[in-house]
Amino acid sequence: MAKGPGLYTEIGKKARDLLFKDYHSDQKFTISTYSPTGVAITSSGTRKGELFVGDVNTQLKNRNVTTDIKVDTDSNLFTTITVDEPTPGLKAIFSFKVPDQRSGKVELQYLHDYAGVNTSVGLTANPIVNLSAVFGTSILALGVDLSYDTKSGDLTKSNAGVSFTKDDLIAALTVNDKGDALNASYYHVVNPLTNTAVGAEVTHRFSSNENTLTLGAQHALDPLTTAKARVNNYGRASALIQHEWRPKSLFTISGEVDTKAIEKSAKIGLGLVLKP
């Protein structure tokens, strides 16, 4: 794949991952096994209060074709077929869900030194068409993200963003929800040797005149253990510790507390990822 501006989903991704990834208040586990023939089977489960949901995913690889088949506790069957680089820079993805006959979708991704394009269309009589495109370089990139409903003739999603990357910092500015939300984010690597980084995100909604500010940081306590913390302007503070106790196997414990209502119970989440 070409090294360039990447896809639209990568605009602001570093800051989002720092501030929001792996924070949860549920009990989650994931167990993966691999066969000598290259078949991977992953079982996942999440407990939310008294509700437990789970799924089993089987992944098969044959040269540049990857097939993922997932079954969940509601007896839904999800199938995704990915063809990586049928031509240089291109990736093709076909997905559908059974029994939903309207879930079929074809997606194409193309990466170039100066562009990244992603488009998808539903396999229905009146599909929703999604298109995102980013132009620029690995330093400065500008992009748009659009969705069009061919049945109603409405533009259901219109976002735009710009990203600036320089050495150890990444800054991004996006306009989302048809211009209603303005989002600015910042990610800075303080010390790459200890994976120490700080990040910030501020969102302003014009319809409600509401502002949300989130600040966060991460630091590797040792080569296998990472600690993260965040706080927002509403007084919600969260922290997590993630330990890789064997290659690709992670144990995560996270918690959240409302600093404006300390008397309320804190939320505690557990996460377990097992891979041999």
Protein backbone atom coordinates (compact mmCIF):
# COMPACT_ATOMS: atom_id res chain seq x y z
CA MET A 1 0.00 0.00 0.00
CA ALA A 2 1.11 3.53 -0.71
CA LYS A 3 2.22 5.84 2.07
CA GLY A 4 0.20 9.02 1.83
CA PRO A 5 -2.60 10.86 3.62
CA GLY A 6 -4.45 7.62 4.45
CA LEU A 7 -8.22 7.23 4.72
CA TYR A 8 -10.68 9.70 6.23
CA THR A 9 -11.12 7.57 9.35
CA GLU A 10 -7.47 8.22 10.21
CA ILE A 11 -8.02 11.97 10.65
CA GLY A 12 -7.82 12.54 14.42
CA LYS A 13 -7.56 8.79 15.12
CA LYS A 14 -4.45 8.99 17.33
CA ALA A 15 -6.16 11.41 19.71
CA ARG A 16 -9.40 9.38 19.71
CA ASP A 17 -7.55 6.18 20.55
CA LEU A 18 -5.67 7.86 23.38
CA LEU A 19 -8.80 9.43 24.87
CA PHE A 20 -11.44 6.74 24.29
CA LYS A 21 -10.04 3.36 23.24
CA ASP A 22 -10.23 0.50 25.80
CA TYR A 23 -12.20 2.56 28.33
CA HIS A 24 -15.31 0.60 29.27
CA SER A 25 -17.48 -0.20 32.28
CA ASP A 26 -18.48 -3.73 31.21
CA GLN A 27 -16.84 -7.12 31.63
CA LYS A 28 -15.38 -8.24 28.32
CA PHE A 29 -13.25 -11.17 27.20
CA THR A 30 -11.79 -12.32 23.90
CA ILE A 31 -10.08 -15.67 23.29
CA SER A 32 -8.34 -16.48 19.99
CA THR A 33 -6.89 -19.76 18.75
CA TYR A 34 -4.97 -20.53 15.57
CA SER A 35 -4.69 -23.80 13.64
CA PRO A 36 -1.57 -24.93 11.73
CA THR A 37 -3.49 -24.32 8.47
CA GLY A 38 -3.92 -20.63 9.31
CA VAL A 39 -7.55 -20.70 10.48
CA ALA A 40 -8.20 -18.28 13.35
CA ILE A 41 -11.15 -18.68 15.73
CA THR A 42 -12.03 -15.84 18.10
CA SER A 43 -14.68 -16.01 20.82
CA SER A 44 -15.85 -12.78 22.44
CA GLY A 45 -18.28 -12.04 25.25
CA THR A 46 -19.55 -8.92 26.98
CA ARG A 47 -21.61 -8.68 30.15
CA LYS A 48 -23.65 -5.51 30.57
CA GLY A 49 -25.46 -5.70 33.87
CA GLU A 50 -27.63 -8.83 33.68
CA LEU A 51 -27.30 -9.06 29.89
CA PHE A 52 -24.62 -11.21 28.27
CA VAL A 53 -23.86 -11.04 24.54
CA GLY A 54 -21.24 -12.98 22.66
CA ASP A 55 -20.04 -14.06 19.25
CA VAL A 56 -17.69 -16.52 17.58
CA ASN A 57 -15.61 -15.38 14.60
CA THR A 58 -13.76 -17.66 12.19
CA GLN A 59 -11.14 -16.19 9.86
CA LEU A 60 -9.69 -17.98 6.86
CA LYS A 61 -6.86 -16.67 4.70
CA ASN A 62 -5.94 -17.81 1.21
CA ARG A 63 -3.21 -15.72 -0.38
CA ASN A 64 -4.66 -12.19 -0.62
CA VAL A 65 -8.25 -13.20 0.23
CA THR A 66 -9.48 -13.11 3.83
CA THR A 67 -12.89 -14.47 4.82
CA ASP A 68 -14.45 -13.63 8.20
CA ILE A 69 -17.56 -15.48 9.38
CA LYS A 70 -19.14 -14.43 12.69
CA VAL A 71 -22.16 -15.79 14.56
CA ASP A 72 -23.62 -13.92 17.55
CA THR A 73 -25.98 -14.86 20.36
CA ASP A 74 -28.96 -13.57 18.35
CA SER A 75 -28.24 -16.16 15.61
CA ASN A 76 -27.09 -13.50 13.16
CA LEU A 77 -24.48 -14.61 10.63
CA PHE A 78 -22.01 -11.96 9.46
CA THR A 79 -19.73 -12.65 6.50
CA THR A 80 -16.97 -10.39 5.22
CA ILE A 81 -14.71 -11.19 2.28
CA THR A 82 -11.65 -8.97 1.80
CA VAL A 83 -9.43 -9.01 -1.28
CA ASP A 84 -6.17 -7.19 -0.56
CA GLU A 85 -4.49 -5.46 -3.49
CA PRO A 86 -6.06 -7.11 -6.56
CA THR A 87 -4.20 -4.17 -8.11
CA PRO A 88 -1.59 -2.02 -6.33
CA GLY A 89 -3.16 0.22 -3.68
CA LEU A 90 -6.65 -1.25 -3.95
CA LYS A 91 -8.66 -3.25 -1.41
CA ALA A 92 -12.10 -4.72 -2.10
CA ILE A 93 -14.53 -5.73 0.68
CA PHE A 94 -17.84 -7.57 0.34
CA SER A 95 -20.05 -8.06 3.41
CA PHE A 96 -23.54 -9.25 4.27
CA LYS A 97 -25.61 -10.44 7.24
CA VAL A 98 -28.09 -13.31 7.42
CA PRO A 99 -31.09 -13.15 7.77
CA ASP A 100 -31.05 -9.43 6.82
CA GLN A 101 -31.45 -9.50 3.03
CA ARG A 102 -30.79 -5.76 2.75
CA SER A 103 -27.40 -5.85 4.49
CA GLY A 104 -25.21 -6.66 1.48
CA LYS A 105 -22.52 -4.07 0.79
CA VAL A 106 -19.54 -3.66 -1.50
CA GLU A 107 -16.67 -1.42 -0.40
CA LEU A 108 -13.55 -0.26 -2.23
CA GLN A 109 -10.50 1.35 -0.65
CA TYR A 110 -7.70 2.95 -2.64
CA LEU A 111 -4.49 4.36 -1.21
CA HIS A 112 -2.07 6.53 -3.20
CA ASP A 113 0.91 8.70 -2.31
CA TYR A 114 -1.34 11.78 -2.47
CA ALA A 115 -4.86 10.41 -1.99
CA GLY A 116 -6.97 7.95 -0.02
CA VAL A 117 -10.46 7.06 -1.26
CA ASN A 118 -13.10 4.84 0.34
CA THR A 119 -16.48 4.16 -1.23
CA SER A 120 -19.25 1.71 -0.42
CA VAL A 121 -22.72 0.98 -1.78
CA GLY A 122 -25.49 -1.21 -0.44
CA LEU A 123 -26.73 -4.06 -2.61
CA THR A 124 -30.37 -2.98 -2.63
CA ALA A 125 -32.71 -1.37 -5.14
CA ASN A 126 -32.31 2.02 -3.43
CA PRO A 127 -28.93 1.86 -1.71
CA ILE A 128 -27.11 4.28 0.54
CA VAL A 129 -23.88 5.38 -1.13
CA ASN A 130 -20.91 6.35 1.05
CA LEU A 131 -17.87 8.21 -0.23
CA SER A 132 -14.88 9.57 1.63
CA ALA A 133 -11.77 11.04 0.08
CA VAL A 134 -8.56 12.50 1.47
CA PHE A 135 -6.01 14.45 -0.53
CA GLY A 136 -2.58 15.68 0.47
CA THR A 137 0.52 14.11 1.96
CA SER A 138 1.52 12.32 5.15
CA ILE A 139 2.07 15.80 6.64
CA LEU A 140 -1.01 17.79 5.56
CA ALA A 141 -4.27 16.15 4.49
CA LEU A 142 -7.77 17.43 3.72
CA GLY A 143 -10.80 15.18 3.37
CA VAL A 144 -14.57 14.83 3.11
CA ASP A 145 -16.95 12.08 4.22
CA LEU A 146 -20.40 11.87 2.57
CA SER A 147 -23.43 9.57 2.55
CA TYR A 148 -26.29 9.79 0.06
CA ASP A 149 -29.66 8.03 0.31
CA THR A 150 -30.74 7.24 -3.24
CA LYS A 151 -34.31 6.48 -2.11
CA SER A 152 -35.03 9.80 -0.42
CA GLY A 153 -32.50 11.84 -2.36
CA ASP A 154 -31.08 13.20 0.90
CA LEU A 155 -27.47 13.76 1.85
CA THR A 156 -27.58 11.88 5.15
CA LYS A 157 -23.99 12.59 6.20
CA SER A 158 -21.57 15.36 5.35
CA ASN A 159 -18.32 15.73 7.27
CA ALA A 160 -15.03 17.41 6.45
CA GLY A 161 -11.65 17.47 8.10
CA VAL A 162 -8.02 18.53 7.94
CA SER A 163 -5.02 16.91 9.61
CA PHE A 164 -1.48 18.17 10.24
CA THR A 165 1.30 15.79 11.26
CA LYS A 166 4.80 16.94 12.15
CA ASP A 167 7.38 14.79 13.92
CA ASP A 168 5.85 14.00 17.32
CA LEU A 169 2.55 15.89 17.08
CA ILE A 170 -0.73 15.49 15.22
CA ALA A 171 -3.45 18.15 15.06
CA ALA A 172 -6.85 17.67 13.44
CA LEU A 173 -9.95 19.77 12.83
CA THR A 174 -13.25 18.27 11.65
CA VAL A 175 -16.76 19.53 10.97
CA ASN A 176 -19.37 16.82 11.58
CA ASP A 177 -23.13 16.24 11.64
CA LYS A 178 -23.83 18.46 8.64
CA GLY A 179 -21.96 21.38 10.16
CA ASP A 180 -23.50 21.17 13.63
CA ALA A 181 -20.38 19.91 15.43
CA LEU A 182 -16.89 21.40 15.30
CA ASN A 183 -14.19 19.12 16.66
CA ALA A 184 -10.52 19.93 17.27
CA SER A 185 -7.99 17.38 18.57
CA TYR A 186 -4.32 17.33 19.46
CA TYR A 187 -1.94 14.40 20.04
CA HIS A 188 1.67 14.80 21.18
CA VAL A 189 4.31 12.15 21.85
CA VAL A 190 6.28 13.34 24.86
CA ASN A 191 8.69 10.39 25.11
CA PRO A 192 8.63 7.61 22.49
CA LEU A 193 10.86 5.38 24.64
CA THR A 194 8.21 5.14 27.37
CA ASN A 195 5.24 5.56 24.99
CA THR A 196 4.33 8.71 26.89
CA ALA A 197 1.79 10.87 25.08
CA VAL A 198 -0.82 13.52 25.83
CA GLY A 199 -3.96 14.39 23.94
CA ALA A 200 -6.90 16.74 23.96
CA GLU A 201 -10.20 17.03 22.15
CA VAL A 202 -12.75 19.82 22.21
CA THR A 203 -16.17 19.64 20.57
CA HIS A 204 -18.62 22.51 20.08
CA ARG A 205 -22.23 21.89 19.05
CA PHE A 206 -23.83 24.92 17.44
CA SER A 207 -27.42 23.69 17.91
CA SER A 208 -27.09 23.47 21.71
CA ASN A 209 -24.12 25.81 22.19
CA GLU A 210 -22.53 22.98 24.19
CA ASN A 211 -18.79 22.50 24.62
CA THR A 212 -17.05 19.28 25.62
CA LEU A 213 -13.37 19.22 26.50
CA THR A 214 -11.48 15.97 27.16
CA LEU A 215 -7.86 15.77 28.28
CA GLY A 216 -5.83 12.57 28.54
CA ALA A 217 -2.40 11.00 28.84
CA GLN A 218 -0.74 7.61 28.60
CA HIS A 219 2.55 6.19 29.88
CA ALA A 220 4.22 2.79 29.70
CA LEU A 221 5.03 1.67 33.25
CA ASP A 222 7.21 -1.06 31.76
CA PRO A 223 7.53 -2.64 28.29
CA LEU A 224 4.38 -4.73 28.89
CA THR A 225 2.18 -2.40 30.97
CA THR A 226 0.51 0.85 29.93
CA ALA A 227 -1.47 3.27 32.07
CA LYS A 228 -3.95 5.82 30.71
CA ALA A 229 -6.08 8.55 32.29
CA ARG A 230 -8.55 11.14 31.07
CA VAL A 231 -10.92 13.79 32.41
CA ASN A 232 -13.54 16.01 30.81
CA ASN A 233 -15.04 19.36 31.67
CA TYR A 234 -18.12 17.66 33.20
CA GLY A 235 -15.97 16.19 35.95
CA ARG A 236 -15.89 12.60 34.72
CA ALA A 237 -12.46 11.07 35.33
CA SER A 238 -11.34 7.69 34.01
CA ALA A 239 -8.22 5.58 34.24
CA LEU A 240 -7.06 2.20 33.00
CA ILE A 241 -4.12 -0.17 33.21
CA GLN A 242 -3.44 -2.62 30.39
CA HIS A 243 -0.92 -5.46 30.73
CA GLU A 244 0.32 -7.73 27.94
CA TRP A 245 0.97 -10.87 29.99
CA ARG A 246 1.87 -12.88 26.87
CA PRO A 247 2.29 -11.87 23.20
CA LYS A 248 -0.97 -10.35 21.90
CA SER A 249 -2.78 -11.33 25.13
CA LEU A 250 -4.02 -8.32 27.09
CA PHE A 251 -5.62 -7.82 30.49
CA THR A 252 -7.31 -4.44 31.00
CA ILE A 253 -8.95 -2.93 34.06
CA SER A 254 -10.59 0.48 33.83
CA GLY A 255 -12.69 2.70 36.06
CA GLU A 256 -14.68 5.91 35.92
CA VAL A 257 -15.86 8.28 38.61
CA ASP A 258 -17.99 11.43 38.56
CA THR A 259 -15.93 13.93 40.56
CA LYS A 260 -19.04 16.09 41.01
CA ALA A 261 -20.92 13.20 42.64
CA ILE A 262 -18.32 11.17 44.53
CA GLU A 263 -21.02 9.52 46.63
CA LYS A 264 -22.23 7.63 43.56
CA SER A 265 -20.73 4.22 42.79
CA ALA A 266 -17.71 4.22 40.52
CA LYS A 267 -17.90 2.19 37.31
CA ILE A 268 -15.36 -0.61 36.93
CA GLY A 269 -14.65 -2.48 33.70
CA LEU A 270 -12.55 -5.55 32.92
CA GLY A 271 -11.16 -6.65 29.59
CA LEU A 272 -9.33 -9.87 28.67
CA VAL A 273 -7.79 -10.72 25.30
CA LEU A 274 -6.16 -14.17 24.95
CA LYS A 275 -4.10 -15.11 21.90
CA PRO A 276 -1.67 -18.06 21.82
